[in-house]
Amino acid sequence: MQNRHAGRPGDAGYGTRAVHGRDGGRRLMAAALLCAAVAFAALGGLPAPARAQAQGSQLPGGDYPDAQCTSPLRPFAGDKAWEWELYRQKMGAYRACVDAYVRRARADIEIIQGKIDRAVREYNREVTMP
């Protein structure tokens, strides 16, 4: 049986299925899902820890923890002197928190670098043995 939407022999669209028919709906849905999947992948689809794990990260959870420091709210230009003094004190605490985070992160980097160096030394020792 000929599809009534397919046209007649000799017409430009003859022999093609209708987009709005039963099969066309499936094709349209498949095309929409494909577009959504491509967009999902292009936008990084997975959360950072999952992406890091997929890329072979050794970190637990695949991501290094963020600093837990919070910046204080800056007073407005016309605010009272005591508000500015309180802000400066909070900024000092904020700076100390960030400094501590950086020190811990650098210590972690040194530990990781030491493990890398040890693995390379062990490999090189094995490779250079007669």
Protein backbone atom coordinates (compact mmCIF):
# COMPACT_ATOMS: atom_id res chain seq x y z
CA MET A 1 0.00 0.00 0.00
CA GLN A 2 1.36 3.40 -0.96
CA ASN A 3 1.80 6.14 1.65
CA ARG A 4 -0.65 8.90 0.71
CA HIS A 5 1.80 11.55 1.91
CA ALA A 6 4.62 10.24 -0.22
CA GLY A 7 3.49 12.00 -3.38
CA ARG A 8 3.10 10.61 -6.84
CA PRO A 9 5.69 9.11 -9.13
CA GLY A 10 7.63 11.98 -10.64
CA ASP A 11 6.99 14.36 -7.72
CA ALA A 12 10.04 15.78 -5.93
CA GLY A 13 9.34 13.99 -2.64
CA TYR A 14 8.08 10.73 -4.08
CA GLY A 15 9.06 7.67 -2.10
CA THR A 16 9.93 9.54 1.11
CA ARG A 17 7.99 8.87 4.31
CA ALA A 18 5.89 11.56 5.88
CA VAL A 19 7.55 13.27 8.84
CA HIS A 20 4.29 13.49 10.74
CA GLY A 21 3.38 9.83 10.37
CA ARG A 22 3.98 7.07 12.90
CA ASP A 23 7.61 6.45 11.86
CA GLY A 24 8.22 10.17 11.49
CA GLY A 25 7.34 10.72 15.13
CA ARG A 26 9.93 8.16 16.16
CA ARG A 27 12.52 9.76 13.93
CA LEU A 28 11.73 13.17 15.32
CA MET A 29 12.02 11.86 18.88
CA ALA A 30 15.31 10.12 18.05
CA ALA A 31 16.65 13.34 16.50
CA ALA A 32 15.60 15.34 19.56
CA LEU A 33 17.27 12.85 21.91
CA LEU A 34 20.42 12.90 19.80
CA CYS A 35 20.53 16.71 19.92
CA ALA A 36 20.01 16.65 23.69
CA ALA A 37 22.78 14.07 24.14
CA VAL A 38 25.20 16.11 22.01
CA ALA A 39 24.39 19.27 23.95
CA PHE A 40 24.77 17.41 27.27
CA ALA A 41 28.19 16.12 26.24
CA ALA A 42 29.31 19.47 24.80
CA LEU A 43 28.44 21.28 28.03
CA GLY A 44 30.49 18.90 30.10
CA GLY A 45 27.48 16.72 30.95
CA LEU A 46 29.04 15.09 33.98
CA PRO A 47 29.74 16.81 37.28
CA ALA A 48 33.41 17.71 37.86
CA PRO A 49 34.16 14.74 40.16
CA ALA A 50 32.68 12.27 37.69
CA ARG A 51 34.62 13.88 34.81
CA ALA A 52 37.83 13.70 36.84
CA GLN A 53 37.21 10.03 37.67
CA ALA A 54 36.51 9.31 34.00
CA GLN A 55 39.79 11.01 33.10
CA GLY A 56 41.69 8.82 35.56
CA SER A 57 42.08 11.12 38.59
CA GLN A 58 43.64 9.57 41.69
CA LEU A 59 41.87 11.98 44.04
CA PRO A 60 39.10 10.51 46.19
CA GLY A 61 35.87 11.68 44.60
CA GLY A 62 37.90 12.96 41.65
CA ASP A 63 38.10 16.57 42.79
CA TYR A 64 40.27 18.57 45.17
CA PRO A 65 38.23 20.26 47.92
CA ASP A 66 37.45 23.95 47.54
CA ALA A 67 38.54 26.50 50.13
CA GLN A 68 35.89 26.93 52.80
CA CYS A 69 36.68 30.64 53.22
CA THR A 70 34.00 33.28 52.81
CA SER A 71 34.60 36.86 51.83
CA PRO A 72 33.00 39.45 54.11
CA LEU A 73 30.54 41.96 52.73
CA ARG A 74 32.14 45.30 51.99
CA PRO A 75 30.48 48.27 53.66
CA PHE A 76 29.22 51.15 51.54
CA ALA A 77 31.30 54.28 51.07
CA GLY A 78 29.21 56.32 53.53
CA ASP A 79 29.04 53.68 56.29
CA LYS A 80 30.31 54.32 59.80
CA ALA A 81 33.96 53.92 60.78
CA TRP A 82 33.21 50.98 63.11
CA GLU A 83 31.63 49.08 60.17
CA TRP A 84 34.81 49.59 58.15
CA GLU A 85 36.95 48.47 61.09
CA LEU A 86 34.84 45.33 61.48
CA TYR A 87 35.20 44.72 57.74
CA ARG A 88 39.00 45.03 57.98
CA GLN A 89 39.06 42.52 60.85
CA LYS A 90 36.93 40.07 58.85
CA MET A 91 39.19 40.60 55.83
CA GLY A 92 42.17 39.66 58.03
CA ALA A 93 40.42 36.42 59.01
CA TYR A 94 39.51 35.79 55.37
CA ARG A 95 43.12 36.28 54.30
CA ALA A 96 44.34 33.92 57.04
CA CYS A 97 41.84 31.28 55.90
CA VAL A 98 42.98 31.55 52.26
CA ASP A 99 46.66 31.47 53.30
CA ALA A 100 46.05 28.30 55.34
CA TYR A 101 44.22 26.69 52.41
CA VAL A 102 47.11 27.51 50.07
CA ARG A 103 49.67 26.10 52.55
CA ARG A 104 47.69 22.84 52.88
CA ALA A 105 47.26 22.57 49.12
CA ARG A 106 50.97 23.14 48.51
CA ALA A 107 51.80 20.49 51.13
CA ASP A 108 49.48 18.07 49.31
CA ILE A 109 51.23 18.91 46.04
CA GLU A 110 54.59 18.11 47.63
CA ILE A 111 53.28 14.75 48.88
CA ILE A 112 51.91 13.92 45.42
CA GLN A 113 55.14 15.05 43.73
CA GLY A 114 57.14 12.83 46.10
CA LYS A 115 55.00 9.84 45.17
CA ILE A 116 55.42 10.62 41.47
CA ASP A 117 59.20 10.89 41.88
CA ARG A 118 59.34 7.60 43.79
CA ALA A 119 57.30 5.79 41.12
CA VAL A 120 59.56 7.14 38.35
CA ARG A 121 62.72 6.17 40.29
CA GLU A 122 61.41 2.62 40.82
CA TYR A 123 60.49 2.32 37.16
CA ASN A 124 63.85 3.67 36.00
CA ARG A 125 65.70 1.30 38.36
CA GLU A 126 63.78 -1.66 36.89
CA VAL A 127 64.32 -0.58 33.29
CA THR A 128 68.07 0.02 33.68
CA MET A 129 68.77 -3.34 35.35
CA PRO A 130 70.85 -5.69 33.17
